[in-house]
N, C-alpha and C. Protein backbone atom coordinates (compact mmCIF):
# COMPACT_ATOMS: atom_id res chain seq x y z
N UNK A 1 -19.14 -1.42 5.06
CA UNK A 1 -17.97 -1.99 5.01
C UNK A 1 -16.94 -1.78 4.16
N UNK A 2 -17.34 -1.54 3.06
CA UNK A 2 -16.48 -1.05 1.79
C UNK A 2 -16.43 0.41 1.38
N UNK A 3 -15.77 1.05 1.49
CA UNK A 3 -15.95 2.67 0.73
C UNK A 3 -14.72 3.25 0.25
N UNK A 4 -14.89 3.00 -1.14
CA UNK A 4 -13.78 3.52 -2.05
C UNK A 4 -13.89 4.87 -2.58
N UNK A 5 -12.72 5.56 -2.86
CA UNK A 5 -13.07 6.68 -3.52
C UNK A 5 -11.94 7.05 -4.46
N UNK A 6 -12.60 7.25 -5.69
CA UNK A 6 -11.46 7.30 -6.85
C UNK A 6 -11.18 8.67 -7.30
N UNK A 7 -10.08 9.01 -7.71
CA UNK A 7 -9.85 10.22 -8.06
C UNK A 7 -9.53 10.49 -9.77
N UNK A 8 -9.05 9.16 -10.17
CA UNK A 8 -9.06 9.05 -11.56
C UNK A 8 -7.71 9.93 -12.21
N UNK A 9 -7.92 11.02 -12.98
CA UNK A 9 -6.87 11.65 -13.47
C UNK A 9 -6.24 12.95 -12.72
N UNK A 10 -7.37 13.08 -11.46
CA UNK A 10 -6.79 14.24 -10.58
C UNK A 10 -6.77 13.60 -9.30
N UNK A 11 -5.27 12.91 -9.09
CA UNK A 11 -4.93 12.71 -7.90
C UNK A 11 -4.95 13.68 -6.77
N UNK A 12 -4.79 13.18 -5.45
CA UNK A 12 -4.82 14.18 -4.36
C UNK A 12 -3.89 13.71 -3.44
N UNK A 13 -3.43 14.89 -2.60
CA UNK A 13 -2.42 14.52 -1.28
C UNK A 13 -2.81 13.33 -0.38
N UNK A 14 -1.63 12.84 0.30
CA UNK A 14 -2.22 11.86 1.29
C UNK A 14 -3.21 12.43 2.10
N UNK A 15 -3.17 13.51 3.06
CA UNK A 15 -3.95 14.08 3.84
C UNK A 15 -5.21 14.26 3.53
N UNK A 16 -5.65 14.70 2.00
CA UNK A 16 -6.82 14.83 1.62
C UNK A 16 -7.41 13.48 1.13
N UNK A 17 -6.75 12.31 1.02
CA UNK A 17 -7.27 10.72 0.61
C UNK A 17 -7.78 10.45 2.08
N UNK A 18 -6.99 10.67 2.79
CA UNK A 18 -7.61 9.75 4.23
C UNK A 18 -8.69 10.49 4.74
N UNK A 19 -8.89 11.75 4.46
CA UNK A 19 -9.92 12.70 5.01
C UNK A 19 -11.14 12.39 4.25
N UNK A 20 -11.10 12.19 2.78
CA UNK A 20 -12.04 11.81 1.95
C UNK A 20 -12.83 10.31 2.28
N UNK A 21 -11.95 9.50 2.79
CA UNK A 21 -12.29 8.01 2.73
C UNK A 21 -12.44 7.79 4.36
N UNK A 22 -12.62 9.09 5.31
CA UNK A 22 -12.74 8.79 6.99
C UNK A 22 -11.59 7.85 7.38
N UNK A 23 -10.31 7.89 7.15
CA UNK A 23 -9.22 7.39 7.41
C UNK A 23 -8.12 8.30 8.44
N UNK A 24 -8.66 9.21 8.32
CA UNK A 24 -7.95 10.02 9.29
C UNK A 24 -8.09 10.10 10.93
N UNK A 25 -7.98 8.88 11.31
CA UNK A 25 -8.22 8.92 12.87
C UNK A 25 -7.15 8.32 13.49
N UNK A 26 -6.96 8.39 14.89
CA UNK A 26 -6.26 8.05 15.37
C UNK A 26 -6.89 6.53 16.08
N UNK A 27 -6.02 5.59 16.28
CA UNK A 27 -6.34 4.24 16.80
C UNK A 27 -5.55 3.76 18.24
N UNK A 28 -5.97 3.26 19.06
CA UNK A 28 -5.21 3.24 20.35
C UNK A 28 -5.55 1.83 20.80
N UNK A 29 -4.52 1.26 21.83
CA UNK A 29 -4.76 0.26 22.54
C UNK A 29 -6.06 0.38 23.68
N UNK A 30 -6.76 -0.35 23.93
CA UNK A 30 -7.27 -0.31 25.42
C UNK A 30 -7.55 -1.62 25.79
N UNK A 31 -7.05 -1.89 27.30
CA UNK A 31 -7.43 -3.03 27.88
C UNK A 31 -8.89 -3.99 27.71
N UNK A 32 -8.60 -5.14 27.88
CA UNK A 32 -9.97 -5.80 28.00
C UNK A 32 -10.18 -6.53 29.48
N UNK A 33 -11.48 -6.14 29.43
CA UNK A 33 -12.23 -6.56 30.85
C UNK A 33 -12.91 -8.21 30.49
N UNK A 34 -12.98 -8.76 31.94
CA UNK A 34 -13.75 -10.04 31.66
C UNK A 34 -15.17 -9.78 32.39
N UNK A 35 -15.91 -10.86 32.64
CA UNK A 35 -17.43 -10.47 32.69
C UNK A 35 -17.41 -9.98 34.32
N UNK A 36 -16.53 -10.15 34.96
CA UNK A 36 -16.63 -9.62 36.40
C UNK A 36 -16.09 -8.33 36.30
N UNK A 37 -15.71 -7.71 35.04
CA UNK A 37 -15.16 -6.41 34.92
C UNK A 37 -13.72 -6.28 35.53
N UNK A 38 -12.68 -7.23 35.59
CA UNK A 38 -11.62 -7.27 36.03
C UNK A 38 -10.83 -7.34 34.87
N UNK A 39 -9.60 -6.36 34.60
CA UNK A 39 -9.03 -6.36 33.47
C UNK A 39 -8.21 -7.53 33.44
N UNK A 40 -8.05 -7.93 31.87
CA UNK A 40 -7.33 -9.16 31.49
C UNK A 40 -5.77 -9.14 31.20
N UNK A 41 -4.56 -9.44 32.20
CA UNK A 41 -3.44 -8.80 31.79
C UNK A 41 -3.00 -9.35 30.56
N UNK A 42 -2.57 -8.04 29.61
CA UNK A 42 -1.76 -8.49 28.38
C UNK A 42 -2.78 -8.73 27.51
N UNK A 43 -4.04 -8.38 27.41
CA UNK A 43 -4.71 -8.44 26.61
C UNK A 43 -5.68 -6.93 26.05
N UNK A 44 -5.72 -6.88 24.78
CA UNK A 44 -5.82 -5.68 24.38
C UNK A 44 -6.97 -5.77 23.29
N UNK A 45 -7.32 -4.60 22.98
CA UNK A 45 -8.11 -4.35 21.51
C UNK A 45 -7.81 -2.92 20.80
N UNK A 46 -7.73 -2.81 19.65
CA UNK A 46 -7.57 -1.60 19.04
C UNK A 46 -8.64 -0.83 18.80
N UNK A 47 -9.20 0.57 18.97
CA UNK A 47 -10.31 1.35 19.06
C UNK A 47 -9.83 2.47 18.31
N UNK A 48 -10.85 2.92 17.62
CA UNK A 48 -10.92 4.45 16.93
C UNK A 48 -11.23 5.52 18.34
N UNK A 49 -10.45 6.33 18.15
CA UNK A 49 -10.63 7.48 19.31
C UNK A 49 -11.57 8.28 18.92
N UNK A 50 -12.03 8.83 17.50
CA UNK A 50 -12.86 9.57 17.30
C UNK A 50 -14.44 9.07 17.35
N UNK A 51 -15.10 7.83 17.43
CA UNK A 51 -16.38 7.68 17.39
C UNK A 51 -16.37 6.14 17.82
N UNK A 52 -17.52 6.32 18.72
CA UNK A 52 -17.91 4.76 19.07
C UNK A 52 -18.13 3.60 18.36
N UNK A 53 -17.60 2.67 18.20
CA UNK A 53 -17.34 2.14 17.03
C UNK A 53 -16.98 0.54 17.30
N UNK A 54 -17.04 -0.40 16.65
CA UNK A 54 -16.53 -1.94 16.90
C UNK A 54 -15.21 -1.81 16.93
N UNK A 55 -14.54 -2.74 17.77
CA UNK A 55 -13.21 -2.60 17.84
C UNK A 55 -12.54 -2.77 16.12
N UNK A 56 -11.64 -2.21 16.10
CA UNK A 56 -10.61 -2.42 14.85
C UNK A 56 -9.84 -3.87 14.91
N UNK A 57 -9.52 -4.20 16.21
CA UNK A 57 -8.70 -5.16 16.40
C UNK A 57 -9.04 -5.57 17.85
N UNK A 58 -8.75 -7.05 18.14
CA UNK A 58 -9.49 -7.85 19.14
C UNK A 58 -8.19 -9.04 19.44
N UNK A 59 -8.37 -9.18 20.80
CA UNK A 59 -7.31 -10.11 21.21
C UNK A 59 -5.74 -9.52 20.79
N UNK A 60 -5.23 -8.64 21.06
CA UNK A 60 -3.90 -8.54 20.92
C UNK A 60 -3.13 -8.16 21.99
N UNK A 61 -1.59 -8.73 21.81
CA UNK A 61 -1.09 -8.97 23.07
C UNK A 61 -0.51 -7.78 23.38
N UNK A 62 0.89 -7.71 24.36
CA UNK A 62 1.51 -6.64 24.84
C UNK A 62 2.48 -6.12 23.79
N UNK A 63 2.89 -7.28 22.90
CA UNK A 63 4.02 -6.55 22.00
C UNK A 63 3.42 -6.03 20.82
N UNK A 64 2.02 -6.32 20.59
CA UNK A 64 1.47 -5.37 19.37
C UNK A 64 1.37 -3.99 19.70
N UNK A 65 2.05 -3.20 18.37
CA UNK A 65 2.34 -1.75 18.50
C UNK A 65 1.24 -1.09 17.50
N UNK A 66 0.63 -0.01 17.70
CA UNK A 66 -0.36 0.68 16.73
C UNK A 66 0.45 1.31 16.03
N UNK A 67 0.51 1.34 14.81
CA UNK A 67 0.99 2.41 13.83
C UNK A 67 -0.55 2.89 13.07
N UNK A 68 -0.68 4.52 12.63
CA UNK A 68 -1.52 4.93 12.48
C UNK A 68 -1.67 4.92 10.95
N UNK A 69 -2.67 4.60 10.09
CA UNK A 69 -2.56 4.82 8.75
C UNK A 69 -2.03 5.80 8.15
N UNK A 70 -2.12 7.09 8.85
CA UNK A 70 -1.49 8.28 8.19
C UNK A 70 0.16 7.98 8.13
N UNK A 71 0.62 7.09 9.30
CA UNK A 71 2.02 7.15 9.85
C UNK A 71 2.73 6.19 8.96
N UNK A 72 1.82 4.99 8.52
CA UNK A 72 2.42 4.13 7.66
C UNK A 72 2.55 4.55 6.26
N UNK A 73 1.43 5.32 5.95
CA UNK A 73 1.42 5.96 4.41
C UNK A 73 2.79 6.91 4.29
N UNK A 74 2.78 8.03 4.98
CA UNK A 74 3.82 9.11 4.99
C UNK A 74 5.18 8.17 4.94
N UNK A 75 5.40 7.25 5.82
CA UNK A 75 6.93 6.60 6.03
C UNK A 75 7.07 5.91 4.91
N UNK A 76 6.18 4.91 4.25
CA UNK A 76 6.23 4.35 3.37
C UNK A 76 6.83 4.85 1.94
N UNK A 77 5.84 6.25 1.58
CA UNK A 77 6.08 6.58 0.43
C UNK A 77 7.53 7.42 0.34
N UNK A 78 8.23 7.67 1.40
CA UNK A 78 9.46 8.49 1.23
C UNK A 78 10.55 7.92 0.71
N UNK A 79 10.24 6.58 0.30
CA UNK A 79 11.36 5.80 -0.55
C UNK A 79 10.85 6.03 -2.27
N UNK A 80 9.62 6.84 -2.44
CA UNK A 80 9.12 7.03 -3.74
C UNK A 80 9.46 8.69 -4.26
N UNK A 81 9.12 9.56 -3.02
CA UNK A 81 9.39 10.78 -3.36
C UNK A 81 10.39 11.54 -2.24
N UNK A 82 10.89 12.76 -2.61
CA UNK A 82 11.76 13.22 -1.93
C UNK A 82 10.92 13.82 -0.60
N UNK A 83 9.68 13.94 -0.74
CA UNK A 83 8.97 14.31 0.49
C UNK A 83 7.41 13.94 0.25
N UNK A 84 7.05 12.94 1.22
CA UNK A 84 5.64 12.58 1.59
C UNK A 84 4.69 13.56 0.94
N UNK A 85 4.74 14.60 1.15
CA UNK A 85 3.69 15.68 0.29
C UNK A 85 3.80 15.68 -1.00
N UNK A 86 4.68 15.35 -1.47
CA UNK A 86 4.85 15.32 -3.10
C UNK A 86 4.19 14.09 -3.93
N UNK A 87 3.61 13.04 -2.68
CA UNK A 87 2.91 11.91 -3.27
C UNK A 87 1.44 12.23 -3.61
N UNK A 88 0.81 11.70 -4.74
CA UNK A 88 -0.46 11.47 -4.92
C UNK A 88 -1.10 10.60 -4.88
N UNK A 89 -2.26 10.28 -4.55
CA UNK A 89 -3.08 9.05 -4.54
C UNK A 89 -4.05 9.15 -5.42
N UNK A 90 -4.35 8.05 -6.36
CA UNK A 90 -5.23 7.96 -7.26
C UNK A 90 -6.46 7.31 -6.76
N UNK A 91 -6.57 6.58 -5.73
CA UNK A 91 -7.47 6.00 -5.56
C UNK A 91 -7.20 5.41 -3.70
N UNK A 92 -8.27 5.38 -3.05
CA UNK A 92 -8.20 5.22 -1.47
C UNK A 92 -9.37 4.24 -1.31
N UNK A 93 -9.19 3.14 -0.37
CA UNK A 93 -10.20 2.10 -0.11
C UNK A 93 -9.98 2.30 1.35
N UNK A 94 -11.35 2.21 2.21
CA UNK A 94 -11.73 2.39 3.75
C UNK A 94 -12.49 0.75 3.83
N UNK A 95 -11.78 0.01 4.28
CA UNK A 95 -12.62 -1.40 4.78
C UNK A 95 -12.57 -1.45 5.69
N UNK A 96 -14.06 -2.12 6.40
CA UNK A 96 -14.38 -2.51 7.37
C UNK A 96 -14.27 -1.69 8.87
N UNK A 97 -14.63 -0.41 8.54
CA UNK A 97 -14.79 0.72 9.55
C UNK A 97 -13.82 1.44 9.82
N UNK A 98 -12.70 1.17 8.61
CA UNK A 98 -11.53 1.86 9.09
C UNK A 98 -10.23 1.11 9.51
N UNK A 99 -10.65 -0.29 9.53
CA UNK A 99 -9.74 -1.50 9.99
C UNK A 99 -8.58 -1.53 9.12
N UNK A 100 -8.76 -1.47 7.77
CA UNK A 100 -8.01 -1.62 6.62
C UNK A 100 -8.17 -0.64 5.82
N UNK A 101 -6.82 0.18 5.60
CA UNK A 101 -6.89 1.33 4.74
C UNK A 101 -6.11 0.66 3.55
N UNK A 102 -6.09 1.18 2.58
CA UNK A 102 -5.54 0.80 1.34
C UNK A 102 -5.43 2.13 0.34
N UNK A 103 -4.54 2.66 0.16
CA UNK A 103 -3.95 3.64 -1.09
C UNK A 103 -3.30 3.16 -2.11
N UNK A 104 -3.56 3.42 -3.34
CA UNK A 104 -2.84 3.15 -4.47
C UNK A 104 -2.37 4.62 -5.16
N UNK A 105 -1.15 4.33 -5.62
CA UNK A 105 -0.59 5.41 -6.42
C UNK A 105 -0.20 4.67 -7.55
N UNK A 106 -0.57 5.45 -8.87
CA UNK A 106 -0.22 4.88 -10.08
C UNK A 106 1.07 5.69 -10.67
N UNK A 107 1.76 4.82 -11.12
CA UNK A 107 3.28 5.16 -11.31
C UNK A 107 3.14 5.96 -12.88
N UNK A 108 3.85 6.76 -13.13
CA UNK A 108 3.36 7.43 -14.88
C UNK A 108 3.56 6.28 -15.63
N UNK A 109 2.66 6.38 -16.48
CA UNK A 109 2.44 5.45 -17.45
C UNK A 109 3.39 5.91 -18.86
N UNK A 110 4.17 4.90 -19.04
CA UNK A 110 5.20 5.16 -20.13
C UNK A 110 5.16 4.32 -21.48
N UNK A 111 5.15 5.09 -22.50
CA UNK A 111 4.92 4.44 -23.95
C UNK A 111 6.34 3.77 -24.46
N UNK A 112 6.33 2.57 -24.88
CA UNK A 112 7.85 2.14 -25.19
C UNK A 112 7.75 2.32 -26.60
N UNK A 113 6.54 1.69 -27.18
CA UNK A 113 6.07 1.94 -28.70
C UNK A 113 4.78 2.54 -28.89
N UNK A 114 4.48 3.04 -29.92
CA UNK A 114 3.22 3.81 -29.90
C UNK A 114 2.05 2.67 -29.77
N UNK A 115 1.01 2.98 -28.65
CA UNK A 115 0.11 2.13 -28.24
C UNK A 115 0.36 1.33 -27.33
N UNK A 116 1.83 0.76 -26.93
CA UNK A 116 2.06 0.34 -25.80
C UNK A 116 2.41 0.59 -24.57
N UNK A 117 1.90 0.66 -23.74
CA UNK A 117 2.18 1.48 -22.52
C UNK A 117 2.50 0.29 -21.37
N UNK A 118 3.33 0.66 -20.25
CA UNK A 118 3.62 0.20 -18.95
C UNK A 118 3.57 0.94 -18.04
N UNK A 119 2.24 0.26 -17.10
CA UNK A 119 2.05 1.25 -15.91
C UNK A 119 2.26 -0.06 -14.55
N UNK A 120 2.38 0.64 -13.51
CA UNK A 120 2.58 -0.20 -12.43
C UNK A 120 1.49 0.49 -11.31
N UNK A 121 1.08 -0.14 -10.35
CA UNK A 121 0.61 0.58 -9.09
C UNK A 121 1.51 0.04 -7.77
N UNK A 122 1.40 1.02 -6.98
CA UNK A 122 1.92 0.91 -5.79
C UNK A 122 0.93 0.88 -4.65
N UNK A 123 0.70 -0.39 -4.11
CA UNK A 123 -0.60 -0.28 -3.21
C UNK A 123 -0.28 -0.28 -1.76
N UNK A 124 -0.35 0.86 -1.16
CA UNK A 124 0.24 0.80 0.29
C UNK A 124 -1.08 0.26 1.58
N UNK A 125 -1.02 -0.57 2.16
CA UNK A 125 -1.99 -0.60 3.22
C UNK A 125 -1.78 -0.74 4.74
N UNK A 126 -2.63 -0.73 5.53
CA UNK A 126 -2.60 -0.88 6.95
C UNK A 126 -3.41 -1.55 7.48
N UNK A 127 -3.53 -2.63 8.45
CA UNK A 127 -4.52 -3.32 8.86
C UNK A 127 -4.14 -3.55 10.20
N UNK A 128 -5.38 -2.74 11.16
CA UNK A 128 -5.10 -2.96 12.54
C UNK A 128 -5.81 -4.50 13.01
N UNK A 129 -6.55 -5.22 12.12
CA UNK A 129 -7.26 -6.36 12.68
C UNK A 129 -6.28 -7.48 12.37
N UNK A 130 -6.61 -8.31 11.50
CA UNK A 130 -5.85 -9.52 11.49
C UNK A 130 -4.82 -9.68 10.64
N UNK A 131 -4.80 -8.41 9.59
CA UNK A 131 -3.37 -8.48 8.82
C UNK A 131 -2.06 -7.74 9.55
N UNK A 132 -1.56 -7.26 8.41
CA UNK A 132 -0.30 -6.40 8.82
C UNK A 132 -0.43 -5.34 8.10
N UNK A 133 0.64 -4.43 7.99
CA UNK A 133 1.11 -3.10 7.19
C UNK A 133 2.07 -3.27 6.36
N UNK A 134 2.13 -2.88 5.29
CA UNK A 134 3.29 -2.90 4.15
C UNK A 134 2.69 -2.30 2.93
N UNK A 135 3.07 -3.08 1.71
CA UNK A 135 2.85 -2.54 0.52
C UNK A 135 3.11 -3.52 -0.68
N UNK A 136 2.76 -3.40 -1.78
CA UNK A 136 2.82 -4.10 -3.03
C UNK A 136 2.73 -3.62 -4.10
N UNK A 137 3.23 -4.26 -5.09
CA UNK A 137 3.50 -3.47 -6.68
C UNK A 137 2.32 -4.50 -7.35
N UNK A 138 1.55 -4.03 -8.07
CA UNK A 138 0.53 -4.95 -8.47
C UNK A 138 -0.13 -3.77 -9.79
N UNK A 139 -0.75 -4.69 -10.67
CA UNK A 139 -1.63 -3.93 -11.78
C UNK A 139 -3.01 -3.94 -11.57
N UNK A 140 -3.55 -4.61 -10.45
CA UNK A 140 -5.07 -4.74 -10.18
C UNK A 140 -5.32 -3.24 -9.41
N UNK A 141 -6.70 -2.67 -9.78
CA UNK A 141 -6.98 -1.47 -9.19
C UNK A 141 -7.95 -2.08 -8.13
N UNK A 142 -7.81 -1.61 -7.07
CA UNK A 142 -8.06 -2.34 -5.78
C UNK A 142 -9.52 -1.26 -5.49
N UNK A 143 -10.76 -1.64 -5.56
CA UNK A 143 -12.00 -1.05 -4.88
C UNK A 143 -12.95 -1.49 -4.06
N UNK A 144 -12.20 -2.64 -3.57
CA UNK A 144 -13.41 -3.63 -2.50
C UNK A 144 -12.30 -4.68 -2.10
N UNK A 145 -12.90 -5.53 -1.28
CA UNK A 145 -11.96 -6.41 -0.29
C UNK A 145 -11.50 -7.71 -1.72
N UNK A 146 -12.55 -8.15 -2.79
CA UNK A 146 -12.16 -9.12 -3.46
C UNK A 146 -11.12 -8.52 -4.48
N UNK A 147 -10.94 -7.35 -4.91
CA UNK A 147 -9.92 -7.14 -5.62
C UNK A 147 -8.49 -6.70 -4.92
N UNK A 148 -8.88 -6.19 -3.54
CA UNK A 148 -7.67 -6.23 -2.82
C UNK A 148 -6.84 -7.24 -2.67
N UNK A 149 -7.78 -8.44 -2.38
CA UNK A 149 -7.19 -9.71 -2.23
C UNK A 149 -6.67 -10.34 -3.36
N UNK A 150 -7.04 -9.98 -4.71
CA UNK A 150 -6.49 -10.52 -5.96
C UNK A 150 -5.20 -9.62 -6.33
N UNK A 151 -5.18 -8.36 -6.05
CA UNK A 151 -3.76 -7.80 -6.13
C UNK A 151 -2.73 -8.55 -5.01
N UNK A 152 -3.40 -8.81 -3.97
CA UNK A 152 -2.51 -9.20 -2.74
C UNK A 152 -1.78 -10.70 -3.47
N UNK A 153 -2.61 -11.52 -4.17
CA UNK A 153 -1.80 -12.84 -4.82
C UNK A 153 -0.89 -12.75 -5.86
N UNK A 154 -1.69 -11.48 -6.71
CA UNK A 154 -0.63 -10.91 -7.70
C UNK A 154 0.70 -10.43 -7.34
N UNK A 155 0.90 -9.69 -6.23
CA UNK A 155 1.85 -9.24 -5.92
C UNK A 155 2.69 -10.62 -5.27
N UNK A 156 2.29 -11.32 -4.58
CA UNK A 156 3.10 -12.44 -4.03
C UNK A 156 3.65 -13.42 -5.02
N UNK A 157 2.86 -13.46 -6.06
CA UNK A 157 3.44 -14.63 -7.34
C UNK A 157 4.64 -13.92 -7.63
N UNK A 158 4.80 -12.50 -7.55
CA UNK A 158 5.94 -12.00 -8.55
C UNK A 158 7.13 -11.45 -7.24
N UNK A 159 6.64 -11.99 -6.42
CA UNK A 159 7.54 -11.49 -5.36
C UNK A 159 7.55 -9.90 -5.10
N UNK A 160 6.74 -9.29 -5.03
CA UNK A 160 6.52 -7.88 -4.77
C UNK A 160 5.67 -7.55 -3.49
N UNK A 161 5.53 -8.40 -2.70
CA UNK A 161 4.80 -8.04 -1.43
C UNK A 161 5.60 -7.99 -0.03
N UNK A 162 5.36 -6.89 0.59
CA UNK A 162 5.70 -7.07 1.80
C UNK A 162 5.04 -6.69 2.79
N UNK A 163 4.78 -7.65 4.11
CA UNK A 163 3.69 -7.29 5.00
C UNK A 163 4.33 -7.32 6.39
N UNK A 164 4.48 -6.35 7.06
CA UNK A 164 5.00 -6.24 8.19
C UNK A 164 4.17 -6.40 9.30
N UNK A 165 4.90 -7.06 10.73
CA UNK A 165 4.27 -7.27 11.99
C UNK A 165 3.77 -6.18 12.64
N UNK A 166 2.91 -6.05 13.67
CA UNK A 166 2.84 -4.82 14.32
C UNK A 166 3.68 -5.24 15.70
N UNK A 167 4.74 -5.29 15.80
CA UNK A 167 5.84 -5.38 16.81
C UNK A 167 7.35 -4.90 16.41
N UNK A 168 7.40 -4.56 17.93
CA UNK A 168 8.98 -3.79 17.69
C UNK A 168 8.69 -2.36 16.94
N UNK A 169 9.76 -1.63 16.19
CA UNK A 169 9.74 -0.52 15.62
C UNK A 169 8.95 -0.28 14.51
N UNK A 170 7.73 -0.14 14.71
CA UNK A 170 6.83 -0.20 13.50
C UNK A 170 7.12 0.74 12.59
N UNK A 171 7.40 2.01 13.02
CA UNK A 171 7.86 3.30 11.81
C UNK A 171 9.29 2.75 10.73
N UNK A 172 10.03 2.18 11.75
CA UNK A 172 11.34 1.84 11.10
C UNK A 172 11.32 0.77 10.04
N UNK A 173 10.04 -0.05 10.54
CA UNK A 173 9.86 -1.32 9.19
C UNK A 173 9.15 -0.45 7.83
N UNK A 174 8.32 0.51 8.52
CA UNK A 174 7.74 1.04 7.17
C UNK A 174 8.41 1.69 6.59
N UNK A 175 9.73 2.45 6.84
CA UNK A 175 10.76 2.94 6.00
C UNK A 175 11.28 1.85 5.62
N UNK A 176 11.40 0.56 5.83
CA UNK A 176 11.99 -0.49 5.20
C UNK A 176 11.58 -0.80 3.81
N UNK A 177 10.16 -0.86 4.22
CA UNK A 177 9.16 -1.11 3.05
C UNK A 177 9.44 0.11 2.03
N UNK A 178 9.66 1.20 2.63
CA UNK A 178 9.58 2.27 1.41
C UNK A 178 11.05 1.82 0.54
N UNK A 179 12.25 1.67 0.90
CA UNK A 179 13.24 1.33 0.13
C UNK A 179 12.78 -0.22 -0.75
N UNK A 180 11.93 -0.83 -0.48
CA UNK A 180 11.49 -1.77 -1.64
C UNK A 180 10.91 -1.16 -2.33
N UNK A 181 9.90 -0.34 -2.27
CA UNK A 181 9.24 0.44 -2.89
C UNK A 181 9.68 1.14 -3.82
N UNK A 182 10.90 1.93 -3.36
CA UNK A 182 11.68 2.75 -4.40
C UNK A 182 12.63 2.22 -5.01
N UNK A 183 12.93 0.85 -4.87
CA UNK A 183 13.81 -0.12 -5.70
C UNK A 183 12.84 -0.39 -6.94
N UNK A 184 11.57 -1.18 -6.65
CA UNK A 184 10.43 -1.12 -7.60
C UNK A 184 10.20 -0.13 -8.46
N UNK A 185 9.98 1.12 -7.84
CA UNK A 185 9.83 1.91 -9.05
C UNK A 185 11.32 2.19 -10.08
N UNK A 186 12.34 1.91 -9.64
CA UNK A 186 13.57 2.21 -10.32
C UNK A 186 13.38 1.09 -11.32
N UNK A 187 13.24 -0.24 -11.02
CA UNK A 187 13.11 -1.23 -11.86
C UNK A 187 12.15 -0.96 -13.02
N UNK A 188 11.02 -0.43 -12.70
CA UNK A 188 9.71 -0.07 -13.80
C UNK A 188 10.62 0.91 -14.68
N UNK A 189 11.36 1.87 -14.16
CA UNK A 189 11.88 2.79 -15.26
C UNK A 189 13.06 2.36 -15.91
N UNK A 190 13.96 1.50 -15.34
CA UNK A 190 14.77 0.86 -16.00
C UNK A 190 14.48 0.19 -17.20
N UNK A 191 13.38 -0.77 -16.99
CA UNK A 191 12.58 -1.63 -17.69
C UNK A 191 12.27 -0.92 -19.05
N UNK A 192 11.24 0.19 -18.94
CA UNK A 192 10.84 1.19 -19.76
C UNK A 192 11.99 1.68 -20.55
N UNK A 193 12.80 2.09 -19.98
CA UNK A 193 14.28 3.02 -20.80
C UNK A 193 14.60 1.83 -21.72
N UNK A 194 15.15 0.67 -21.17
CA UNK A 194 15.28 -0.54 -22.06
C UNK A 194 14.48 -0.85 -23.15
N UNK A 195 13.37 -0.99 -22.81
CA UNK A 195 12.26 -1.16 -23.81
C UNK A 195 12.48 -0.18 -25.03
N UNK A 196 12.42 0.90 -24.46
CA UNK A 196 12.56 2.37 -25.57
C UNK A 196 14.06 2.12 -26.53
N UNK A 197 14.91 1.87 -25.63
CA UNK A 197 16.13 1.71 -26.55
C UNK A 197 16.05 0.49 -27.33
N UNK A 198 15.47 -0.65 -27.02
CA UNK A 198 15.40 -1.85 -28.33
C UNK A 198 14.52 -1.36 -29.46
N UNK A 199 13.35 -0.84 -29.01
CA UNK A 199 12.37 -0.11 -29.83
C UNK A 199 12.96 0.60 -31.09
N UNK A 200 14.04 1.57 -30.36
CA UNK A 200 14.49 2.59 -31.37
C UNK A 200 15.81 2.20 -32.04
N UNK A 201 16.18 0.50 -31.75
CA UNK A 201 17.15 0.10 -32.48
C UNK A 201 16.77 -0.67 -33.87
N UNK A 202 17.35 -0.09 -34.74
CA UNK A 202 16.78 -0.82 -36.17
C UNK A 202 17.45 -2.04 -36.60
N UNK A 203 16.58 -2.91 -37.05
CA UNK A 203 17.08 -4.61 -37.08
C UNK A 203 18.34 -4.37 -37.95
N UNK A 204 19.30 -5.46 -37.98
CA UNK A 204 20.35 -5.45 -39.03
C UNK A 204 19.93 -6.20 -40.08
N UNK A 205 19.87 -5.19 -41.21
CA UNK A 205 19.33 -6.10 -42.56
C UNK A 205 20.40 -7.02 -43.12
N UNK A 206 21.65 -7.00 -42.49
CA UNK A 206 22.53 -7.92 -43.26
C UNK A 206 22.63 -9.27 -42.30
N UNK A 207 21.73 -9.63 -41.49
CA UNK A 207 21.50 -10.76 -40.53
C UNK A 207 21.13 -12.03 -41.42
N UNK A 208 21.88 -12.86 -41.41
CA UNK A 208 21.51 -14.29 -42.07
C UNK A 208 21.21 -15.10 -41.59
N UNK A 209 19.87 -15.93 -41.68
CA UNK A 209 19.25 -16.80 -40.59
C UNK A 209 20.04 -17.93 -40.76
N UNK A 210 20.25 -18.31 -42.30
CA UNK A 210 20.95 -19.87 -42.36
C UNK A 210 22.30 -19.78 -41.55
N UNK A 211 23.00 -18.77 -41.29
CA UNK A 211 24.10 -18.60 -40.67
C UNK A 211 24.06 -19.06 -39.34
N UNK A 212 23.19 -19.04 -38.82
CA UNK A 212 22.91 -19.31 -37.38
C UNK A 212 22.39 -20.77 -37.21
């Protein structure tokens, strides 16, 4: 049910991470049949094409569009790097036989003052089942469904959570998510730069507290 892969200080590319976690498969919509063997109009299930396994998603309507895990990841991180091939994954999580894929990218750890570091994690997810696909900015290291849910609540609380529905232009919406992720990374860099500037600015020795 839960298969995490941790790379630590030696992160890998998207393709390698997906292969390691058995997430480099294709998913497709297939029709649903009733007990008499008749196709149910407008009703689909989402299945893996590489193995015979339980459905990744059920009771999907005609508007539901499948976005592959690798498509979502590559489109989303275009907002972080000039090329998706430059992205490095620190950990990947396979939940529910590939229904839910989660990849985390640790941003560069920046030191404002000695011993005081600032680090954020971009968590990119795609769910063929009851969830959607998107990304979030969080600090939690996701290694199971409990930490995944905790990271989601954390991101929602600070307004850094994007979840897209599987309808319409799914790739286009993934690229919009990338824009949000790119902005989040810039915000983190600007915060660190501002903190470093303040830390390097000496206090005014002539400041008089009684005058305030």
